[in-house]
Amino acid sequence: MKVIVCQNYQHLSDYAKDKVIEVINSKEKPVLGLATGSTPEGMYQALIEAYKDNKVSFKNVTTFNLDEYIGLKKEDPNSYQHFMDEHFFNHVDIDQSETYLPPGNTSDHQQACLDYEKNMHQHDDIDLQVLGVGINGHIGFNEPGTDFDTRTHVIELDASTREANARFFDSLDEVPTHAITMGIATIMESKQIILMASGDSKKEAVKRLMEGDITPDFPASVLHRHPHVTVVLDREAASLLTDDQIDHVLD
């Protein structure tokens, strides 16, 4: 696991953008695993700007998102489909028929999970998976206690996760209680992983990631078992780490 500390959120976003472009330009048909939430927003904006500057094309890119709320229609402003459209897909030259999210508004969620896994395997392994980390250590929506061998599945959201996401809704009561998420075993099959964390609220989770045991109680800890993980932090998120836990500090 390589740990990179950037000066601020913008530098973190630019670093992640460069990693994504590097993978796209090295593959004929690259497959990206994407995340939502506030942390990757800057990366998506940087990728849009790179596209407008003719530094990258997404024409041959396939994407699979980590998760989606259950019970929200695609066009719902709080759905992750809407988030991806607004923050990324609608602004670049990607073939939107090759952008996939778990279907949250379906009558058979278990079949939807199986179909999502099948679709991913038909596209080969994900070349680069982008992750954030929750304050409780979740990756995707794999909450504490999730087995490391899980595939795409339905998860009941932890109270802390719903509270953290309530800022996007009118009230906590409107935050869905369940989601479909890519499983931990599925995430671990990605060829490369980049985990982004920003801000003071993530410093304790980052500290536990670097110092704690590998346990389902803190799902992100499984990443220590992956051979190609880069953890990218801003100074606030890295503030509790020691010098020997950091590989590079970027100016």
C-alpha atoms as a PDB file:
ATOM      1  CA  MET A   1       0.000   0.000   0.000  1.00  0.00           C
ATOM      2  CA  LYS A   2       1.469   3.326  -1.120  1.00  0.00           C
ATOM      3  CA  VAL A   3       0.468   6.478   0.779  1.00  0.00           C
ATOM      4  CA  ILE A   4       0.635   9.833  -1.003  1.00  0.00           C
ATOM      5  CA  VAL A   5      -0.041  13.113   0.810  1.00  0.00           C
ATOM      6  CA  CYS A   6      -1.063  16.133  -1.262  1.00  0.00           C
ATOM      7  CA  GLN A   7      -1.043  19.751  -0.142  1.00  0.00           C
ATOM      8  CA  ASN A   8      -4.792  20.245  -0.445  1.00  0.00           C
ATOM      9  CA  TYR A   9      -7.995  18.877  -1.939  1.00  0.00           C
ATOM     10  CA  GLN A  10      -7.341  20.319  -5.395  1.00  0.00           C
ATOM     11  CA  HIS A  11      -3.925  18.686  -5.583  1.00  0.00           C
ATOM     12  CA  LEU A  12      -5.454  15.407  -4.398  1.00  0.00           C
ATOM     13  CA  SER A  13      -8.082  15.636  -7.140  1.00  0.00           C
ATOM     14  CA  ASP A  14      -5.451  16.366  -9.767  1.00  0.00           C
ATOM     15  CA  TYR A  15      -3.339  13.409  -8.641  1.00  0.00           C
ATOM     16  CA  ALA A  16      -6.327  11.063  -8.915  1.00  0.00           C
ATOM     17  CA  LYS A  17      -7.207  12.547 -12.328  1.00  0.00           C
ATOM     18  CA  ASP A  18      -3.699  11.816 -13.583  1.00  0.00           C
ATOM     19  CA  LYS A  19      -3.937   8.192 -12.399  1.00  0.00           C
ATOM     20  CA  VAL A  20      -7.228   7.722 -14.235  1.00  0.00           C
ATOM     21  CA  ILE A  21      -5.858   9.239 -17.449  1.00  0.00           C
ATOM     22  CA  GLU A  22      -2.741   7.080 -17.190  1.00  0.00           C
ATOM     23  CA  VAL A  23      -4.890   3.936 -17.111  1.00  0.00           C
ATOM     24  CA  ILE A  24      -7.159   5.118 -19.937  1.00  0.00           C
ATOM     25  CA  ASN A  25      -4.209   5.902 -22.186  1.00  0.00           C
ATOM     26  CA  SER A  26      -2.549   2.543 -21.490  1.00  0.00           C
ATOM     27  CA  LYS A  27      -5.542   0.361 -22.427  1.00  0.00           C
ATOM     28  CA  GLU A  28      -7.439  -0.225 -25.652  1.00  0.00           C
ATOM     29  CA  LYS A  29     -10.737  -0.670 -23.800  1.00  0.00           C
ATOM     30  CA  PRO A  30     -10.210   0.470 -20.222  1.00  0.00           C
ATOM     31  CA  VAL A  31     -12.676  -0.452 -17.490  1.00  0.00           C
ATOM     32  CA  LEU A  32     -13.007   1.947 -14.557  1.00  0.00           C
ATOM     33  CA  GLY A  33     -14.700   1.404 -11.221  1.00  0.00           C
ATOM     34  CA  LEU A  34     -16.155   4.703 -10.032  1.00  0.00           C
ATOM     35  CA  ALA A  35     -17.334   6.167  -6.757  1.00  0.00           C
ATOM     36  CA  THR A  36     -19.744   8.908  -5.740  1.00  0.00           C
ATOM     37  CA  GLY A  37     -19.805  11.309  -2.821  1.00  0.00           C
ATOM     38  CA  SER A  38     -18.081  14.604  -2.158  1.00  0.00           C
ATOM     39  CA  THR A  39     -14.497  13.291  -2.244  1.00  0.00           C
ATOM     40  CA  PRO A  40     -14.304  12.356  -5.957  1.00  0.00           C
ATOM     41  CA  GLU A  41     -16.180  15.457  -7.188  1.00  0.00           C
ATOM     42  CA  GLY A  42     -12.942  17.372  -7.723  1.00  0.00           C
ATOM     43  CA  MET A  43     -11.446  14.462  -9.657  1.00  0.00           C
ATOM     44  CA  TYR A  44     -14.443  14.356 -11.981  1.00  0.00           C
ATOM     45  CA  GLN A  45     -14.215  18.100 -12.589  1.00  0.00           C
ATOM     46  CA  ALA A  46     -10.494  17.758 -13.332  1.00  0.00           C
ATOM     47  CA  LEU A  47     -11.232  14.934 -15.789  1.00  0.00           C
ATOM     48  CA  ILE A  48     -13.853  17.071 -17.536  1.00  0.00           C
ATOM     49  CA  GLU A  49     -11.332  19.886 -17.895  1.00  0.00           C
ATOM     50  CA  ALA A  50      -8.731  17.451 -19.248  1.00  0.00           C
ATOM     51  CA  TYR A  51     -11.256  16.213 -21.799  1.00  0.00           C
ATOM     52  CA  LYS A  52     -12.076  19.769 -22.895  1.00  0.00           C
ATOM     53  CA  ASP A  53      -8.328  20.389 -23.292  1.00  0.00           C
ATOM     54  CA  ASN A  54      -8.077  17.292 -25.559  1.00  0.00           C
ATOM     55  CA  LYS A  55      -5.843  15.490 -23.080  1.00  0.00           C
ATOM     56  CA  VAL A  56      -8.087  12.433 -22.771  1.00  0.00           C
ATOM     57  CA  SER A  57     -11.007  10.748 -24.500  1.00  0.00           C
ATOM     58  CA  PHE A  58     -13.538   8.459 -22.850  1.00  0.00           C
ATOM     59  CA  LYS A  59     -14.932   6.987 -26.083  1.00  0.00           C
ATOM     60  CA  ASN A  60     -13.630   3.484 -25.376  1.00  0.00           C
ATOM     61  CA  VAL A  61     -14.104   3.548 -21.596  1.00  0.00           C
ATOM     62  CA  THR A  62     -16.515   1.310 -19.710  1.00  0.00           C
ATOM     63  CA  THR A  63     -17.470   2.223 -16.145  1.00  0.00           C
ATOM     64  CA  PHE A  64     -19.017   0.365 -13.221  1.00  0.00           C
ATOM     65  CA  ASN A  65     -20.118   2.297 -10.178  1.00  0.00           C
ATOM     66  CA  LEU A  66     -19.774   0.922  -6.692  1.00  0.00           C
ATOM     67  CA  ASP A  67     -23.314   1.341  -5.465  1.00  0.00           C
ATOM     68  CA  GLU A  68     -26.800   2.788  -5.661  1.00  0.00           C
ATOM     69  CA  TYR A  69     -29.547   3.473  -3.171  1.00  0.00           C
ATOM     70  CA  ILE A  70     -32.517   1.104  -3.163  1.00  0.00           C
ATOM     71  CA  GLY A  71     -35.836   2.735  -3.887  1.00  0.00           C
ATOM     72  CA  LEU A  72     -34.661   5.768  -5.871  1.00  0.00           C
ATOM     73  CA  LYS A  73     -35.425   6.148  -9.561  1.00  0.00           C
ATOM     74  CA  LYS A  74     -32.539   6.993 -11.896  1.00  0.00           C
ATOM     75  CA  GLU A  75     -33.801  10.539 -12.373  1.00  0.00           C
ATOM     76  CA  ASP A  76     -34.124  11.197  -8.636  1.00  0.00           C
ATOM     77  CA  PRO A  77     -31.745  14.073  -7.763  1.00  0.00           C
ATOM     78  CA  ASN A  78     -30.326  11.997  -4.892  1.00  0.00           C
ATOM     79  CA  SER A  79     -29.671   8.851  -6.939  1.00  0.00           C
ATOM     80  CA  TYR A  80     -26.095   8.032  -7.797  1.00  0.00           C
ATOM     81  CA  GLN A  81     -27.086   7.737 -11.453  1.00  0.00           C
ATOM     82  CA  HIS A  82     -28.115  11.398 -11.319  1.00  0.00           C
ATOM     83  CA  PHE A  83     -24.889  12.282  -9.493  1.00  0.00           C
ATOM     84  CA  MET A  84     -22.742  10.628 -12.150  1.00  0.00           C
ATOM     85  CA  ASP A  85     -24.683  12.225 -15.002  1.00  0.00           C
ATOM     86  CA  GLU A  86     -24.454  15.696 -13.475  1.00  0.00           C
ATOM     87  CA  HIS A  87     -20.855  15.512 -12.291  1.00  0.00           C
ATOM     88  CA  PHE A  88     -19.259  13.515 -15.088  1.00  0.00           C
ATOM     89  CA  PHE A  89     -21.038  11.510 -17.790  1.00  0.00           C
ATOM     90  CA  ASN A  90     -22.969  14.396 -19.364  1.00  0.00           C
ATOM     91  CA  HIS A  91     -19.800  16.441 -19.838  1.00  0.00           C
ATOM     92  CA  VAL A  92     -17.449  14.037 -21.645  1.00  0.00           C
ATOM     93  CA  ASP A  93     -17.525  11.839 -24.756  1.00  0.00           C
ATOM     94  CA  ILE A  94     -18.231   8.566 -22.953  1.00  0.00           C
ATOM     95  CA  ASP A  95     -20.702   6.101 -24.489  1.00  0.00           C
ATOM     96  CA  GLN A  96     -23.407   6.191 -21.822  1.00  0.00           C
ATOM     97  CA  SER A  97     -24.595   2.721 -22.821  1.00  0.00           C
ATOM     98  CA  GLU A  98     -21.247   1.555 -21.382  1.00  0.00           C
ATOM     99  CA  THR A  99     -21.752   3.247 -18.010  1.00  0.00           C
ATOM    100  CA  TYR A 100     -23.251   0.921 -15.420  1.00  0.00           C
ATOM    101  CA  LEU A 101     -24.667   1.381 -11.945  1.00  0.00           C
ATOM    102  CA  PRO A 102     -26.484  -1.183  -9.820  1.00  0.00           C
ATOM    103  CA  PRO A 103     -30.235  -0.725 -10.417  1.00  0.00           C
ATOM    104  CA  GLY A 104     -31.744   0.471  -7.165  1.00  0.00           C
ATOM    105  CA  ASN A 105     -35.327   0.745  -8.380  1.00  0.00           C
ATOM    106  CA  THR A 106     -36.130  -2.828  -9.357  1.00  0.00           C
ATOM    107  CA  SER A 107     -38.567  -5.475  -8.162  1.00  0.00           C
ATOM    108  CA  ASP A 108     -35.902  -8.169  -7.756  1.00  0.00           C
ATOM    109  CA  HIS A 109     -32.821  -6.838  -6.012  1.00  0.00           C
ATOM    110  CA  GLN A 110     -31.138 -10.216  -5.619  1.00  0.00           C
ATOM    111  CA  GLN A 111     -31.339 -10.871  -9.350  1.00  0.00           C
ATOM    112  CA  ALA A 112     -30.067  -7.357  -9.993  1.00  0.00           C
ATOM    113  CA  CYS A 113     -26.994  -8.171  -7.886  1.00  0.00           C
ATOM    114  CA  LEU A 114     -26.322 -11.365  -9.853  1.00  0.00           C
ATOM    115  CA  ASP A 115     -26.790  -9.565 -13.165  1.00  0.00           C
ATOM    116  CA  TYR A 116     -24.404  -6.780 -12.149  1.00  0.00           C
ATOM    117  CA  GLU A 117     -21.690  -9.276 -11.246  1.00  0.00           C
ATOM    118  CA  LYS A 118     -22.204 -11.131 -14.522  1.00  0.00           C
ATOM    119  CA  ASN A 119     -21.935  -7.923 -16.519  1.00  0.00           C
ATOM    120  CA  MET A 120     -18.676  -6.972 -14.800  1.00  0.00           C
ATOM    121  CA  HIS A 121     -17.130 -10.366 -15.514  1.00  0.00           C
ATOM    122  CA  GLN A 122     -18.146 -10.135 -19.157  1.00  0.00           C
ATOM    123  CA  HIS A 123     -16.161  -6.898 -19.373  1.00  0.00           C
ATOM    124  CA  ASP A 124     -13.091  -8.460 -17.748  1.00  0.00           C
ATOM    125  CA  ASP A 125     -11.551  -7.141 -14.541  1.00  0.00           C
ATOM    126  CA  ILE A 126     -11.734  -3.489 -13.563  1.00  0.00           C
ATOM    127  CA  ASP A 127      -8.446  -1.815 -14.498  1.00  0.00           C
ATOM    128  CA  LEU A 128      -8.677   0.916 -11.846  1.00  0.00           C
ATOM    129  CA  GLN A 129     -11.152   1.115  -8.979  1.00  0.00           C
ATOM    130  CA  VAL A 130     -11.684   4.521  -7.348  1.00  0.00           C
ATOM    131  CA  LEU A 131     -12.694   4.360  -3.682  1.00  0.00           C
ATOM    132  CA  GLY A 132     -13.518   6.670  -0.835  1.00  0.00           C
ATOM    133  CA  VAL A 133     -13.652   5.570   2.772  1.00  0.00           C
ATOM    134  CA  GLY A 134     -16.407   6.147   5.312  1.00  0.00           C
ATOM    135  CA  ILE A 135     -15.743   7.347   8.832  1.00  0.00           C
ATOM    136  CA  ASN A 136     -16.617   3.797   9.954  1.00  0.00           C
ATOM    137  CA  GLY A 137     -14.282   2.259   7.369  1.00  0.00           C
ATOM    138  CA  HIS A 138     -16.843   1.307   4.755  1.00  0.00           C
ATOM    139  CA  ILE A 139     -15.768   0.999   1.129  1.00  0.00           C
ATOM    140  CA  GLY A 140     -18.568   1.176  -1.368  1.00  0.00           C
ATOM    141  CA  PHE A 141     -21.499   0.588   0.971  1.00  0.00           C
ATOM    142  CA  ASN A 142     -19.836  -2.415   2.595  1.00  0.00           C
ATOM    143  CA  GLU A 143     -20.544  -1.565   6.209  1.00  0.00           C
ATOM    144  CA  PRO A 144     -18.627  -2.894   9.262  1.00  0.00           C
ATOM    145  CA  GLY A 145     -19.213  -6.618   9.655  1.00  0.00           C
ATOM    146  CA  THR A 146     -19.431  -7.322   5.920  1.00  0.00           C
ATOM    147  CA  ASP A 147     -17.618 -10.551   5.037  1.00  0.00           C
ATOM    148  CA  PHE A 148     -14.562 -10.141   2.857  1.00  0.00           C
ATOM    149  CA  ASP A 149     -15.876 -12.756   0.408  1.00  0.00           C
ATOM    150  CA  THR A 150     -19.056 -10.850  -0.490  1.00  0.00           C
ATOM    151  CA  ARG A 151     -20.061 -10.144  -4.074  1.00  0.00           C
ATOM    152  CA  THR A 152     -22.539  -7.480  -5.199  1.00  0.00           C
ATOM    153  CA  HIS A 153     -25.264  -7.546  -2.573  1.00  0.00           C
ATOM    154  CA  VAL A 154     -28.002  -5.669  -0.723  1.00  0.00           C
ATOM    155  CA  ILE A 155     -26.803  -3.921   2.426  1.00  0.00           C
ATOM    156  CA  GLU A 156     -28.598  -2.166   5.263  1.00  0.00           C
ATOM    157  CA  LEU A 157     -26.917   1.177   5.741  1.00  0.00           C
ATOM    158  CA  ASP A 158     -25.262   1.950   9.055  1.00  0.00           C
ATOM    159  CA  ALA A 159     -26.743   4.832  11.063  1.00  0.00           C
ATOM    160  CA  SER A 160     -23.484   6.800  10.755  1.00  0.00           C
ATOM    161  CA  THR A 161     -23.554   6.376   6.960  1.00  0.00           C
ATOM    162  CA  ARG A 162     -27.112   7.646   6.697  1.00  0.00           C
ATOM    163  CA  GLU A 163     -26.307  10.575   8.964  1.00  0.00           C
ATOM    164  CA  ALA A 164     -23.228  11.453   6.889  1.00  0.00           C
ATOM    165  CA  ASN A 165     -25.318  11.397   3.700  1.00  0.00           C
ATOM    166  CA  ALA A 166     -28.302  13.233   5.166  1.00  0.00           C
ATOM    167  CA  ARG A 167     -26.814  16.564   4.006  1.00  0.00           C
ATOM    168  CA  PHE A 168     -27.802  15.619   0.456  1.00  0.00           C
ATOM    169  CA  PHE A 169     -31.464  15.074   1.437  1.00  0.00           C
ATOM    170  CA  ASP A 170     -34.131  17.293   2.978  1.00  0.00           C
ATOM    171  CA  SER A 171     -34.070  15.220   6.151  1.00  0.00           C
ATOM    172  CA  LEU A 172     -32.537  12.081   7.654  1.00  0.00           C
ATOM    173  CA  ASP A 173     -35.859  10.310   7.226  1.00  0.00           C
ATOM    174  CA  GLU A 174     -35.538  10.649   3.441  1.00  0.00           C
ATOM    175  CA  VAL A 175     -32.168   8.867   3.304  1.00  0.00           C
ATOM    176  CA  PRO A 176     -32.732   5.301   2.047  1.00  0.00           C
ATOM    177  CA  THR A 177     -32.092   2.546   4.566  1.00  0.00           C
ATOM    178  CA  HIS A 178     -30.667   0.056   2.037  1.00  0.00           C
ATOM    179  CA  ALA A 179     -28.433   0.033  -1.021  1.00  0.00           C
ATOM    180  CA  ILE A 180     -26.962  -2.313  -3.592  1.00  0.00           C
ATOM    181  CA  THR A 181     -23.182  -2.318  -3.405  1.00  0.00           C
ATOM    182  CA  MET A 182     -20.320  -3.975  -5.184  1.00  0.00           C
ATOM    183  CA  GLY A 183     -18.966  -6.565  -2.737  1.00  0.00           C
ATOM    184  CA  ILE A 184     -15.562  -6.577  -1.082  1.00  0.00           C
ATOM    185  CA  ALA A 185     -14.392  -9.624  -3.049  1.00  0.00           C
ATOM    186  CA  THR A 186     -15.482  -7.893  -6.251  1.00  0.00           C
ATOM    187  CA  ILE A 187     -13.585  -4.720  -5.359  1.00  0.00           C
ATOM    188  CA  MET A 188     -10.481  -6.745  -4.532  1.00  0.00           C
ATOM    189  CA  GLU A 189     -10.443  -8.240  -8.040  1.00  0.00           C
ATOM    190  CA  SER A 190      -9.648  -4.816  -9.509  1.00  0.00           C
ATOM    191  CA  LYS A 191      -6.157  -4.621 -11.019  1.00  0.00           C
ATOM    192  CA  GLN A 192      -5.398  -1.323  -9.290  1.00  0.00           C
ATOM    193  CA  ILE A 193      -7.150   0.614  -6.531  1.00  0.00           C
ATOM    194  CA  ILE A 194      -6.894   4.276  -5.607  1.00  0.00           C
ATOM    195  CA  LEU A 195      -8.464   5.294  -2.310  1.00  0.00           C
ATOM    196  CA  MET A 196      -9.088   9.008  -1.783  1.00  0.00           C
ATOM    197  CA  ALA A 197      -9.679  10.673   1.579  1.00  0.00           C
ATOM    198  CA  SER A 198      -9.977  14.367   2.288  1.00  0.00           C
ATOM    199  CA  GLY A 199     -10.611  16.557   5.288  1.00  0.00           C
ATOM    200  CA  ASP A 200     -10.395  16.470   9.062  1.00  0.00           C
ATOM    201  CA  SER A 201     -13.433  14.179   9.373  1.00  0.00           C
ATOM    202  CA  LYS A 202     -11.516  11.317   7.723  1.00  0.00           C
ATOM    203  CA  LYS A 203      -8.299  11.500   9.751  1.00  0.00           C
ATOM    204  CA  GLU A 204      -9.371   8.900  12.342  1.00  0.00           C
ATOM    205  CA  ALA A 205     -10.476   6.460   9.634  1.00  0.00           C
ATOM    206  CA  VAL A 206      -7.161   6.948   7.815  1.00  0.00           C
ATOM    207  CA  LYS A 207      -5.226   6.382  11.033  1.00  0.00           C
ATOM    208  CA  ARG A 208      -7.127   3.155  11.717  1.00  0.00           C
ATOM    209  CA  LEU A 209      -6.612   2.034   8.116  1.00  0.00           C
ATOM    210  CA  MET A 210      -2.862   2.351   8.516  1.00  0.00           C
ATOM    211  CA  GLU A 211      -2.553   1.040  12.078  1.00  0.00           C
ATOM    212  CA  GLY A 212      -5.434  -1.327  12.731  1.00  0.00           C
ATOM    213  CA  ASP A 213      -5.885  -5.037  12.234  1.00  0.00           C
ATOM    214  CA  ILE A 214      -7.309  -6.491   9.035  1.00  0.00           C
ATOM    215  CA  THR A 215     -10.871  -7.165  10.102  1.00  0.00           C
ATOM    216  CA  PRO A 216     -14.431  -7.029   8.721  1.00  0.00           C
ATOM    217  CA  ASP A 217     -15.143  -4.587  11.564  1.00  0.00           C
ATOM    218  CA  PHE A 218     -13.261  -2.032   9.462  1.00  0.00           C
ATOM    219  CA  PRO A 219     -13.861  -3.060   5.829  1.00  0.00           C
ATOM    220  CA  ALA A 220     -11.195  -0.810   4.286  1.00  0.00           C
ATOM    221  CA  SER A 221      -8.534  -2.780   6.160  1.00  0.00           C
ATOM    222  CA  VAL A 222      -8.860  -5.561   3.557  1.00  0.00           C
ATOM    223  CA  LEU A 223      -7.016  -3.315   1.110  1.00  0.00           C
ATOM    224  CA  HIS A 224      -3.752  -4.304   2.807  1.00  0.00           C
ATOM    225  CA  ARG A 225      -4.193  -7.658   1.054  1.00  0.00           C
ATOM    226  CA  HIS A 226      -4.295  -6.086  -2.420  1.00  0.00           C
ATOM    227  CA  PRO A 227      -0.970  -5.776  -4.285  1.00  0.00           C
ATOM    228  CA  HIS A 228      -1.627  -2.415  -5.988  1.00  0.00           C
ATOM    229  CA  VAL A 229      -3.326   0.131  -3.733  1.00  0.00           C
ATOM    230  CA  THR A 230      -2.530   3.848  -3.640  1.00  0.00           C
ATOM    231  CA  VAL A 231      -3.990   5.888  -0.773  1.00  0.00           C
ATOM    232  CA  VAL A 232      -4.171   9.578  -1.693  1.00  0.00           C
ATOM    233  CA  LEU A 233      -4.757  12.062   1.116  1.00  0.00           C
ATOM    234  CA  ASP A 234      -4.775  15.772   1.707  1.00  0.00           C
ATOM    235  CA  ARG A 235      -2.892  17.130   4.718  1.00  0.00           C
ATOM    236  CA  GLU A 236      -5.953  17.141   6.973  1.00  0.00           C
ATOM    237  CA  ALA A 237      -6.831  13.509   6.323  1.00  0.00           C
ATOM    238  CA  ALA A 238      -3.175  12.531   6.835  1.00  0.00           C
ATOM    239  CA  SER A 239      -2.665  14.612   9.982  1.00  0.00           C
ATOM    240  CA  LEU A 240      -2.566  11.647  12.391  1.00  0.00           C
ATOM    241  CA  LEU A 241      -0.087   9.583  10.377  1.00  0.00           C
ATOM    242  CA  THR A 242       3.567   9.281  11.257  1.00  0.00           C
ATOM    243  CA  ASP A 243       6.335  10.023   8.765  1.00  0.00           C
ATOM    244  CA  ASP A 244       7.155   6.347   8.348  1.00  0.00           C
ATOM    245  CA  GLN A 245       3.566   5.627   7.260  1.00  0.00           C
ATOM    246  CA  ILE A 246       3.811   8.071   4.355  1.00  0.00           C
ATOM    247  CA  ASP A 247       5.613   7.218   1.121  1.00  0.00           C
ATOM    248  CA  HIS A 248       5.547  10.625  -0.575  1.00  0.00           C
ATOM    249  CA  VAL A 249       4.519  14.175   0.287  1.00  0.00           C
ATOM    250  CA  LEU A 250       3.798  16.126  -2.901  1.00  0.00           C
ATOM    251  CA  ASP A 251       4.398  19.876  -3.101  1.00  0.00           C
END
